[in-house]
PDB file of all heavy atoms in Angstrom:
ATOM      1  N   ALA A   1     -74.819 -15.957 -18.556  1.00  0.00           N
ATOM      2  CA  ALA A   1     -73.756 -15.569 -17.629  1.00  0.00           C
ATOM      3  C   ALA A   1     -74.207 -15.586 -16.168  1.00  0.00           C
ATOM      4  O   ALA A   1     -73.460 -16.012 -15.295  1.00  0.00           O
ATOM      5  CB  ALA A   1     -73.204 -14.203 -17.998  1.00  0.00           C
ATOM      6  N   ASP A   2     -75.421 -15.110 -15.880  1.00  0.00           N
ATOM      7  CA  ASP A   2     -75.873 -15.051 -14.488  1.00  0.00           C
ATOM      8  C   ASP A   2     -76.014 -16.445 -13.887  1.00  0.00           C
ATOM      9  O   ASP A   2     -75.546 -16.696 -12.771  1.00  0.00           O
ATOM     10  CB  ASP A   2     -77.207 -14.302 -14.382  1.00  0.00           C
ATOM     11  CG  ASP A   2     -77.055 -12.814 -14.670  1.00  0.00           C
ATOM     12  OD1 ASP A   2     -75.925 -12.294 -14.574  1.00  0.00           O
ATOM     13  OD2 ASP A   2     -78.073 -12.180 -14.998  1.00  0.00           O
ATOM     14  N   LEU A   3     -76.662 -17.348 -14.602  1.00  0.00           N
ATOM     15  CA  LEU A   3     -76.833 -18.717 -14.113  1.00  0.00           C
ATOM     16  C   LEU A   3     -75.477 -19.403 -13.987  1.00  0.00           C
ATOM     17  O   LEU A   3     -75.233 -20.139 -13.034  1.00  0.00           O
ATOM     18  CB  LEU A   3     -77.759 -19.513 -15.033  1.00  0.00           C
ATOM     19  CG  LEU A   3     -78.043 -20.949 -14.624  1.00  0.00           C
ATOM     20  CD1 LEU A   3     -78.660 -21.024 -13.228  1.00  0.00           C
ATOM     21  CD2 LEU A   3     -78.968 -21.622 -15.648  1.00  0.00           C
ATOM     22  N   TYR A   4     -74.586 -19.143 -14.918  1.00  0.00           N
ATOM     23  CA  TYR A   4     -73.244 -19.729 -14.868  1.00  0.00           C
ATOM     24  C   TYR A   4     -72.515 -19.273 -13.605  1.00  0.00           C
ATOM     25  O   TYR A   4     -71.934 -20.089 -12.886  1.00  0.00           O
ATOM     26  CB  TYR A   4     -72.437 -19.341 -16.113  1.00  0.00           C
ATOM     27  CG  TYR A   4     -71.032 -19.889 -16.094  1.00  0.00           C
ATOM     28  CD1 TYR A   4     -70.787 -21.207 -16.464  1.00  0.00           C
ATOM     29  CD2 TYR A   4     -69.959 -19.102 -15.690  1.00  0.00           C
ATOM     30  CE1 TYR A   4     -69.501 -21.721 -16.441  1.00  0.00           C
ATOM     31  CE2 TYR A   4     -68.679 -19.606 -15.663  1.00  0.00           C
ATOM     32  CZ  TYR A   4     -68.448 -20.913 -16.041  1.00  0.00           C
ATOM     33  OH  TYR A   4     -67.178 -21.421 -16.003  1.00  0.00           O
ATOM     34  N   GLN A   5     -72.556 -17.990 -13.321  1.00  0.00           N
ATOM     35  CA  GLN A   5     -71.877 -17.462 -12.135  1.00  0.00           C
ATOM     36  C   GLN A   5     -72.461 -18.067 -10.858  1.00  0.00           C
ATOM     37  O   GLN A   5     -71.725 -18.436  -9.939  1.00  0.00           O
ATOM     38  CB  GLN A   5     -71.965 -15.931 -12.086  1.00  0.00           C
ATOM     39  CG  GLN A   5     -71.160 -15.312 -10.968  1.00  0.00           C
ATOM     40  CD  GLN A   5     -69.674 -15.631 -11.061  1.00  0.00           C
ATOM     41  OE1 GLN A   5     -69.104 -15.688 -12.137  1.00  0.00           O
ATOM     42  NE2 GLN A   5     -69.055 -15.830  -9.924  1.00  0.00           N
ATOM     43  N   GLU A   6     -73.766 -18.192 -10.817  1.00  0.00           N
ATOM     44  CA  GLU A   6     -74.438 -18.800  -9.665  1.00  0.00           C
ATOM     45  C   GLU A   6     -73.975 -20.242  -9.473  1.00  0.00           C
ATOM     46  O   GLU A   6     -73.656 -20.659  -8.355  1.00  0.00           O
ATOM     47  CB  GLU A   6     -75.950 -18.745  -9.899  1.00  0.00           C
ATOM     48  CG  GLU A   6     -76.782 -19.375  -8.826  1.00  0.00           C
ATOM     49  CD  GLU A   6     -78.252 -19.354  -9.209  1.00  0.00           C
ATOM     50  OE1 GLU A   6     -78.777 -18.269  -9.533  1.00  0.00           O
ATOM     51  OE2 GLU A   6     -78.878 -20.430  -9.167  1.00  0.00           O
ATOM     52  N   GLN A   7     -73.920 -21.007 -10.540  1.00  0.00           N
ATOM     53  CA  GLN A   7     -73.489 -22.402 -10.456  1.00  0.00           C
ATOM     54  C   GLN A   7     -72.013 -22.515 -10.084  1.00  0.00           C
ATOM     55  O   GLN A   7     -71.627 -23.397  -9.326  1.00  0.00           O
ATOM     56  CB  GLN A   7     -73.760 -23.134 -11.778  1.00  0.00           C
ATOM     57  CG  GLN A   7     -75.204 -23.471 -12.002  1.00  0.00           C
ATOM     58  CD  GLN A   7     -75.738 -24.412 -10.943  1.00  0.00           C
ATOM     59  OE1 GLN A   7     -75.215 -25.496 -10.728  1.00  0.00           O
ATOM     60  NE2 GLN A   7     -76.807 -23.996 -10.282  1.00  0.00           N
ATOM     61  N   THR A   8     -71.197 -21.611 -10.613  1.00  0.00           N
ATOM     62  CA  THR A   8     -69.770 -21.614 -10.280  1.00  0.00           C
ATOM     63  C   THR A   8     -69.568 -21.407  -8.787  1.00  0.00           C
ATOM     64  O   THR A   8     -68.807 -22.133  -8.140  1.00  0.00           O
ATOM     65  CB  THR A   8     -69.029 -20.522 -11.072  1.00  0.00           C
ATOM     66  OG1 THR A   8     -69.134 -20.820 -12.464  1.00  0.00           O
ATOM     67  CG2 THR A   8     -67.565 -20.436 -10.684  1.00  0.00           C
ATOM     68  N   GLU A   9     -70.273 -20.451  -8.223  1.00  0.00           N
ATOM     69  CA  GLU A   9     -70.154 -20.183  -6.783  1.00  0.00           C
ATOM     70  C   GLU A   9     -70.650 -21.368  -5.963  1.00  0.00           C
ATOM     71  O   GLU A   9     -70.032 -21.736  -4.955  1.00  0.00           O
ATOM     72  CB  GLU A   9     -70.909 -18.909  -6.433  1.00  0.00           C
ATOM     73  CG  GLU A   9     -70.243 -17.672  -6.997  1.00  0.00           C
ATOM     74  CD  GLU A   9     -71.084 -16.408  -6.862  1.00  0.00           C
ATOM     75  OE1 GLU A   9     -72.126 -16.435  -6.165  1.00  0.00           O
ATOM     76  OE2 GLU A   9     -70.696 -15.385  -7.462  1.00  0.00           O
ATOM     77  N   LEU A  10     -71.743 -21.985  -6.396  1.00  0.00           N
ATOM     78  CA  LEU A  10     -72.270 -23.162  -5.695  1.00  0.00           C
ATOM     79  C   LEU A  10     -71.266 -24.314  -5.738  1.00  0.00           C
ATOM     80  O   LEU A  10     -70.992 -24.947  -4.719  1.00  0.00           O
ATOM     81  CB  LEU A  10     -73.609 -23.593  -6.305  1.00  0.00           C
ATOM     82  CG  LEU A  10     -74.222 -24.878  -5.748  1.00  0.00           C
ATOM     83  CD1 LEU A  10     -74.527 -24.747  -4.265  1.00  0.00           C
ATOM     84  CD2 LEU A  10     -75.471 -25.250  -6.537  1.00  0.00           C
ATOM     85  N   MET A  11     -70.678 -24.574  -6.920  1.00  0.00           N
ATOM     86  CA  MET A  11     -69.729 -25.690  -7.050  1.00  0.00           C
ATOM     87  C   MET A  11     -68.467 -25.428  -6.238  1.00  0.00           C
ATOM     88  O   MET A  11     -67.943 -26.344  -5.601  1.00  0.00           O
ATOM     89  CB  MET A  11     -69.366 -25.927  -8.523  1.00  0.00           C
ATOM     90  CG  MET A  11     -70.499 -26.492  -9.365  1.00  0.00           C
ATOM     91  SD  MET A  11     -71.212 -28.031  -8.722  1.00  0.00           S
ATOM     92  CE  MET A  11     -72.725 -27.416  -7.973  1.00  0.00           C
ATOM     93  N   GLU A  12     -67.995 -24.188  -6.222  1.00  0.00           N
ATOM     94  CA  GLU A  12     -66.811 -23.865  -5.418  1.00  0.00           C
ATOM     95  C   GLU A  12     -67.059 -24.128  -3.943  1.00  0.00           C
ATOM     96  O   GLU A  12     -66.216 -24.680  -3.252  1.00  0.00           O
ATOM     97  CB  GLU A  12     -66.395 -22.412  -5.631  1.00  0.00           C
ATOM     98  CG  GLU A  12     -65.618 -22.204  -6.893  1.00  0.00           C
ATOM     99  CD  GLU A  12     -64.889 -20.870  -6.913  1.00  0.00           C
ATOM    100  OE1 GLU A  12     -64.654 -20.275  -5.844  1.00  0.00           O
ATOM    101  OE2 GLU A  12     -64.548 -20.441  -8.017  1.00  0.00           O
ATOM    102  N   SER A  13     -68.204 -23.743  -3.467  1.00  0.00           N
ATOM    103  CA  SER A  13     -68.557 -23.969  -2.066  1.00  0.00           C
ATOM    104  C   SER A  13     -68.728 -25.459  -1.783  1.00  0.00           C
ATOM    105  O   SER A  13     -68.240 -25.971  -0.779  1.00  0.00           O
ATOM    106  CB  SER A  13     -69.841 -23.206  -1.745  1.00  0.00           C
ATOM    107  OG  SER A  13     -70.287 -23.519  -0.459  1.00  0.00           O
ATOM    108  N   LEU A  14     -69.414 -26.135  -2.684  1.00  0.00           N
ATOM    109  CA  LEU A  14     -69.728 -27.556  -2.481  1.00  0.00           C
ATOM    110  C   LEU A  14     -68.487 -28.436  -2.532  1.00  0.00           C
ATOM    111  O   LEU A  14     -68.322 -29.325  -1.700  1.00  0.00           O
ATOM    112  CB  LEU A  14     -70.747 -27.998  -3.533  1.00  0.00           C
ATOM    113  CG  LEU A  14     -71.383 -29.357  -3.367  1.00  0.00           C
ATOM    114  CD1 LEU A  14     -72.082 -29.475  -2.018  1.00  0.00           C
ATOM    115  CD2 LEU A  14     -72.380 -29.607  -4.485  1.00  0.00           C
ATOM    116  N   VAL A  15     -67.598 -28.208  -3.493  1.00  0.00           N
ATOM    117  CA  VAL A  15     -66.423 -29.077  -3.617  1.00  0.00           C
ATOM    118  C   VAL A  15     -65.549 -28.995  -2.372  1.00  0.00           C
ATOM    119  O   VAL A  15     -64.940 -29.981  -1.961  1.00  0.00           O
ATOM    120  CB  VAL A  15     -65.611 -28.783  -4.904  1.00  0.00           C
ATOM    121  CG1 VAL A  15     -64.859 -27.466  -4.811  1.00  0.00           C
ATOM    122  CG2 VAL A  15     -64.666 -29.933  -5.216  1.00  0.00           C
ATOM    123  N   LYS A  16     -65.516 -27.838  -1.736  1.00  0.00           N
ATOM    124  CA  LYS A  16     -64.700 -27.669  -0.533  1.00  0.00           C
ATOM    125  C   LYS A  16     -65.208 -28.521   0.630  1.00  0.00           C
ATOM    126  O   LYS A  16     -64.470 -28.776   1.577  1.00  0.00           O
ATOM    127  CB  LYS A  16     -64.651 -26.198  -0.138  1.00  0.00           C
ATOM    128  CG  LYS A  16     -63.851 -25.363  -1.112  1.00  0.00           C
ATOM    129  CD  LYS A  16     -63.904 -23.887  -0.767  1.00  0.00           C
ATOM    130  CE  LYS A  16     -63.130 -23.066  -1.784  1.00  0.00           C
ATOM    131  NZ  LYS A  16     -63.216 -21.624  -1.513  1.00  0.00           N
ATOM    132  N   SER A  17     -66.460 -28.964   0.557  1.00  0.00           N
ATOM    133  CA  SER A  17     -67.031 -29.785   1.622  1.00  0.00           C
ATOM    134  C   SER A  17     -66.793 -31.280   1.402  1.00  0.00           C
ATOM    135  O   SER A  17     -67.129 -32.087   2.269  1.00  0.00           O
ATOM    136  CB  SER A  17     -68.536 -29.522   1.730  1.00  0.00           C
ATOM    137  OG  SER A  17     -69.231 -30.100   0.637  1.00  0.00           O
ATOM    138  N   ILE A  18     -66.216 -31.654   0.269  1.00  0.00           N
ATOM    139  CA  ILE A  18     -65.991 -33.067  -0.045  1.00  0.00           C
ATOM    140  C   ILE A  18     -64.762 -33.567   0.705  1.00  0.00           C
ATOM    141  O   ILE A  18     -63.676 -32.989   0.571  1.00  0.00           O
ATOM    142  CB  ILE A  18     -65.792 -33.258  -1.572  1.00  0.00           C
ATOM    143  CG1 ILE A  18     -67.025 -32.795  -2.344  1.00  0.00           C
ATOM    144  CG2 ILE A  18     -65.430 -34.698  -1.929  1.00  0.00           C
ATOM    145  CD1 ILE A  18     -68.284 -33.568  -2.042  1.00  0.00           C
ATOM    146  N   PRO A  19     -64.906 -34.637   1.505  1.00  0.00           N
ATOM    147  CA  PRO A  19     -63.719 -35.204   2.155  1.00  0.00           C
ATOM    148  C   PRO A  19     -62.683 -35.587   1.099  1.00  0.00           C
ATOM    149  O   PRO A  19     -63.024 -36.163   0.064  1.00  0.00           O
ATOM    150  CB  PRO A  19     -64.257 -36.445   2.866  1.00  0.00           C
ATOM    151  CG  PRO A  19     -65.711 -36.142   3.088  1.00  0.00           C
ATOM    152  CD  PRO A  19     -66.129 -35.354   1.875  1.00  0.00           C
ATOM    153  N   GLY A  20     -61.449 -35.216   1.330  1.00  0.00           N
ATOM    154  CA  GLY A  20     -60.379 -35.524   0.388  1.00  0.00           C
ATOM    155  C   GLY A  20     -60.087 -34.407  -0.595  1.00  0.00           C
ATOM    156  O   GLY A  20     -59.084 -34.453  -1.304  1.00  0.00           O
ATOM    157  N   TYR A  21     -60.943 -33.379  -0.645  1.00  0.00           N
ATOM    158  CA  TYR A  21     -60.671 -32.221  -1.493  1.00  0.00           C
ATOM    159  C   TYR A  21     -59.481 -31.474  -0.903  1.00  0.00           C
ATOM    160  O   TYR A  21     -59.400 -31.252   0.299  1.00  0.00           O
ATOM    161  CB  TYR A  21     -61.892 -31.296  -1.544  1.00  0.00           C
ATOM    162  CG  TYR A  21     -61.576 -29.913  -2.061  1.00  0.00           C
ATOM    163  CD1 TYR A  21     -61.505 -29.667  -3.419  1.00  0.00           C
ATOM    164  CD2 TYR A  21     -61.329 -28.856  -1.185  1.00  0.00           C
ATOM    165  CE1 TYR A  21     -61.203 -28.393  -3.898  1.00  0.00           C
ATOM    166  CE2 TYR A  21     -61.033 -27.590  -1.652  1.00  0.00           C
ATOM    167  CZ  TYR A  21     -60.964 -27.367  -3.014  1.00  0.00           C
ATOM    168  OH  TYR A  21     -60.661 -26.118  -3.474  1.00  0.00           O
ATOM    169  N   LEU A  22     -58.547 -31.062  -1.772  1.00  0.00           N
ATOM    170  CA  LEU A  22     -57.367 -30.339  -1.316  1.00  0.00           C
ATOM    171  C   LEU A  22     -57.389 -28.869  -1.725  1.00  0.00           C
ATOM    172  O   LEU A  22     -57.204 -27.995  -0.891  1.00  0.00           O
ATOM    173  CB  LEU A  22     -56.094 -31.009  -1.854  1.00  0.00           C
ATOM    174  CG  LEU A  22     -55.877 -32.458  -1.406  1.00  0.00           C
ATOM    175  CD1 LEU A  22     -54.725 -33.086  -2.164  1.00  0.00           C
ATOM    176  CD2 LEU A  22     -55.644 -32.507   0.097  1.00  0.00           C
ATOM    177  N   SER A  23     -57.605 -28.598  -3.000  1.00  0.00           N
ATOM    178  CA  SER A  23     -57.630 -27.221  -3.486  1.00  0.00           C
ATOM    179  C   SER A  23     -58.027 -27.224  -4.955  1.00  0.00           C
ATOM    180  O   SER A  23     -58.154 -28.284  -5.567  1.00  0.00           O
ATOM    181  CB  SER A  23     -56.261 -26.545  -3.329  1.00  0.00           C
ATOM    182  OG  SER A  23     -55.310 -27.170  -4.164  1.00  0.00           O
ATOM    183  N   HIS A  24     -58.201 -26.014  -5.509  1.00  0.00           N
ATOM    184  CA  HIS A  24     -58.436 -25.888  -6.945  1.00  0.00           C
ATOM    185  C   HIS A  24     -57.994 -24.514  -7.426  1.00  0.00           C
ATOM    186  O   HIS A  24     -57.836 -23.594  -6.627  1.00  0.00           O
ATOM    187  CB  HIS A  24     -59.905 -26.149  -7.312  1.00  0.00           C
ATOM    188  CG  HIS A  24     -60.836 -25.064  -6.923  1.00  0.00           C
ATOM    189  ND1 HIS A  24     -61.378 -24.963  -5.665  1.00  0.00           N
ATOM    190  CD2 HIS A  24     -61.321 -24.006  -7.622  1.00  0.00           C
ATOM    191  CE1 HIS A  24     -62.165 -23.911  -5.610  1.00  0.00           C
ATOM    192  NE2 HIS A  24     -62.145 -23.299  -6.783  1.00  0.00           N
ATOM    193  N   VAL A  25     -57.783 -24.428  -8.715  1.00  0.00           N
ATOM    194  CA  VAL A  25     -57.418 -23.170  -9.356  1.00  0.00           C
ATOM    195  C   VAL A  25     -58.137 -23.114 -10.699  1.00  0.00           C
ATOM    196  O   VAL A  25     -58.314 -24.144 -11.349  1.00  0.00           O
ATOM    197  CB  VAL A  25     -55.880 -23.051  -9.522  1.00  0.00           C
ATOM    198  CG1 VAL A  25     -55.326 -24.152 -10.396  1.00  0.00           C
ATOM    199  CG2 VAL A  25     -55.495 -21.695 -10.047  1.00  0.00           C
ATOM    200  N   SER A  26     -58.593 -21.913 -11.076  1.00  0.00           N
ATOM    201  CA  SER A  26     -59.319 -21.741 -12.338  1.00  0.00           C
ATOM    202  C   SER A  26     -58.840 -20.496 -13.053  1.00  0.00           C
ATOM    203  O   SER A  26     -58.455 -19.514 -12.413  1.00  0.00           O
ATOM    204  CB  SER A  26     -60.822 -21.568 -12.090  1.00  0.00           C
ATOM    205  OG  SER A  26     -61.384 -22.710 -11.527  1.00  0.00           O
ATOM    206  N   PHE A  27     -58.898 -20.537 -14.369  1.00  0.00           N
ATOM    207  CA  PHE A  27     -58.670 -19.333 -15.158  1.00  0.00           C
ATOM    208  C   PHE A  27     -59.380 -19.475 -16.492  1.00  0.00           C
ATOM    209  O   PHE A  27     -59.654 -20.580 -16.949  1.00  0.00           O
ATOM    210  CB  PHE A  27     -57.178 -19.043 -15.356  1.00  0.00           C
ATOM    211  CG  PHE A  27     -56.422 -20.154 -16.033  1.00  0.00           C
ATOM    212  CD1 PHE A  27     -56.293 -20.185 -17.416  1.00  0.00           C
ATOM    213  CD2 PHE A  27     -55.824 -21.148 -15.283  1.00  0.00           C
ATOM    214  CE1 PHE A  27     -55.584 -21.210 -18.030  1.00  0.00           C
ATOM    215  CE2 PHE A  27     -55.120 -22.178 -15.895  1.00  0.00           C
ATOM    216  CZ  PHE A  27     -54.996 -22.206 -17.275  1.00  0.00           C
ATOM    217  N   ARG A  28     -59.746 -18.320 -17.085  1.00  0.00           N
ATOM    218  CA  ARG A  28     -60.437 -18.299 -18.363  1.00  0.00           C
ATOM    219  C   ARG A  28     -59.943 -17.118 -19.180  1.00  0.00           C
ATOM    220  O   ARG A  28     -59.798 -16.015 -18.652  1.00  0.00           O
ATOM    221  CB  ARG A  28     -61.958 -18.202 -18.166  1.00  0.00           C
ATOM    222  CG  ARG A  28     -62.724 -18.278 -19.494  1.00  0.00           C
ATOM    223  CD  ARG A  28     -64.203 -18.523 -19.291  1.00  0.00           C
ATOM    224  NE  ARG A  28     -64.498 -19.696 -18.498  1.00  0.00           N
ATOM    225  CZ  ARG A  28     -64.506 -20.961 -18.975  1.00  0.00           C
ATOM    226  NH1 ARG A  28     -64.206 -21.197 -20.221  1.00  0.00           N
ATOM    227  NH2 ARG A  28     -64.805 -21.960 -18.184  1.00  0.00           N
ATOM    228  N   ASP A  29     -59.679 -17.340 -20.448  1.00  0.00           N
ATOM    229  CA  ASP A  29     -59.291 -16.293 -21.380  1.00  0.00           C
ATOM    230  C   ASP A  29     -60.569 -15.643 -21.902  1.00  0.00           C
ATOM    231  O   ASP A  29     -61.383 -16.309 -22.548  1.00  0.00           O
ATOM    232  CB  ASP A  29     -58.481 -16.900 -22.521  1.00  0.00           C
ATOM    233  CG  ASP A  29     -57.997 -15.869 -23.514  1.00  0.00           C
ATOM    234  OD1 ASP A  29     -58.816 -15.041 -23.976  1.00  0.00           O
ATOM    235  OD2 ASP A  29     -56.810 -15.898 -23.850  1.00  0.00           O
ATOM    236  N   SER A  30     -60.761 -14.370 -21.607  1.00  0.00           N
ATOM    237  CA  SER A  30     -62.011 -13.701 -21.988  1.00  0.00           C
ATOM    238  C   SER A  30     -62.149 -13.558 -23.501  1.00  0.00           C
ATOM    239  O   SER A  30     -63.265 -13.530 -24.017  1.00  0.00           O
ATOM    240  CB  SER A  30     -62.129 -12.342 -21.313  1.00  0.00           C
ATOM    241  OG  SER A  30     -61.041 -11.521 -21.673  1.00  0.00           O
ATOM    242  N   ALA A  31     -61.048 -13.499 -24.227  1.00  0.00           N
ATOM    243  CA  ALA A  31     -61.116 -13.341 -25.683  1.00  0.00           C
ATOM    244  C   ALA A  31     -61.572 -14.624 -26.377  1.00  0.00           C
ATOM    245  O   ALA A  31     -62.418 -14.591 -27.266  1.00  0.00           O
ATOM    246  CB  ALA A  31     -59.764 -12.909 -26.231  1.00  0.00           C
ATOM    247  N   THR A  32     -61.033 -15.758 -25.947  1.00  0.00           N
ATOM    248  CA  THR A  32     -61.371 -17.039 -26.600  1.00  0.00           C
ATOM    249  C   THR A  32     -62.460 -17.805 -25.850  1.00  0.00           C
ATOM    250  O   THR A  32     -62.985 -18.782 -26.361  1.00  0.00           O
ATOM    251  CB  THR A  32     -60.138 -17.953 -26.691  1.00  0.00           C
ATOM    252  OG1 THR A  32     -59.727 -18.313 -25.363  1.00  0.00           O
ATOM    253  CG2 THR A  32     -59.006 -17.279 -27.443  1.00  0.00           C
ATOM    254  N   ARG A  33     -62.764 -17.375 -24.599  1.00  0.00           N
ATOM    255  CA  ARG A  33     -63.726 -18.031 -23.719  1.00  0.00           C
ATOM    256  C   ARG A  33     -63.262 -19.432 -23.288  1.00  0.00           C
ATOM    257  O   ARG A  33     -64.019 -20.207 -22.756  1.00  0.00           O
ATOM    258  CB  ARG A  33     -65.121 -18.070 -24.348  1.00  0.00           C
ATOM    259  CG  ARG A  33     -65.711 -16.707 -24.614  1.00  0.00           C
ATOM    260  CD  ARG A  33     -67.131 -16.731 -25.164  1.00  0.00           C
ATOM    261  NE  ARG A  33     -67.480 -17.815 -26.036  1.00  0.00           N
ATOM    262  CZ  ARG A  33     -67.262 -17.867 -27.353  1.00  0.00           C
ATOM    263  NH1 ARG A  33     -66.659 -16.875 -27.954  1.00  0.00           N
ATOM    264  NH2 ARG A  33     -67.648 -18.900 -28.072  1.00  0.00           N
ATOM    265  N   GLU A  34     -61.978 -19.759 -23.538  1.00  0.00           N
ATOM    266  CA  GLU A  34     -61.428 -21.045 -23.126  1.00  0.00           C
ATOM    267  C   GLU A  34     -60.949 -20.950 -21.683  1.00  0.00           C
ATOM    268  O   GLU A  34     -60.370 -19.946 -21.275  1.00  0.00           O
ATOM    269  CB  GLU A  34     -60.264 -21.453 -24.032  1.00  0.00           C
ATOM    270  CG  GLU A  34     -60.711 -21.731 -25.450  1.00  0.00           C
ATOM    271  CD  GLU A  34     -59.558 -22.042 -26.385  1.00  0.00           C
ATOM    272  OE1 GLU A  34     -58.386 -21.802 -26.020  1.00  0.00           O
ATOM    273  OE2 GLU A  34     -59.838 -22.516 -27.491  1.00  0.00           O
TER     274      GLU A  34
END
């Protein structure tokens, strides 16, 4: 979980720097982990 959270934050920051990036949305069901 810790490494995952670190990578998630890095990817969120990084994708925003890509020319042509517009936006993103994420969600996860904690019961099914999907």
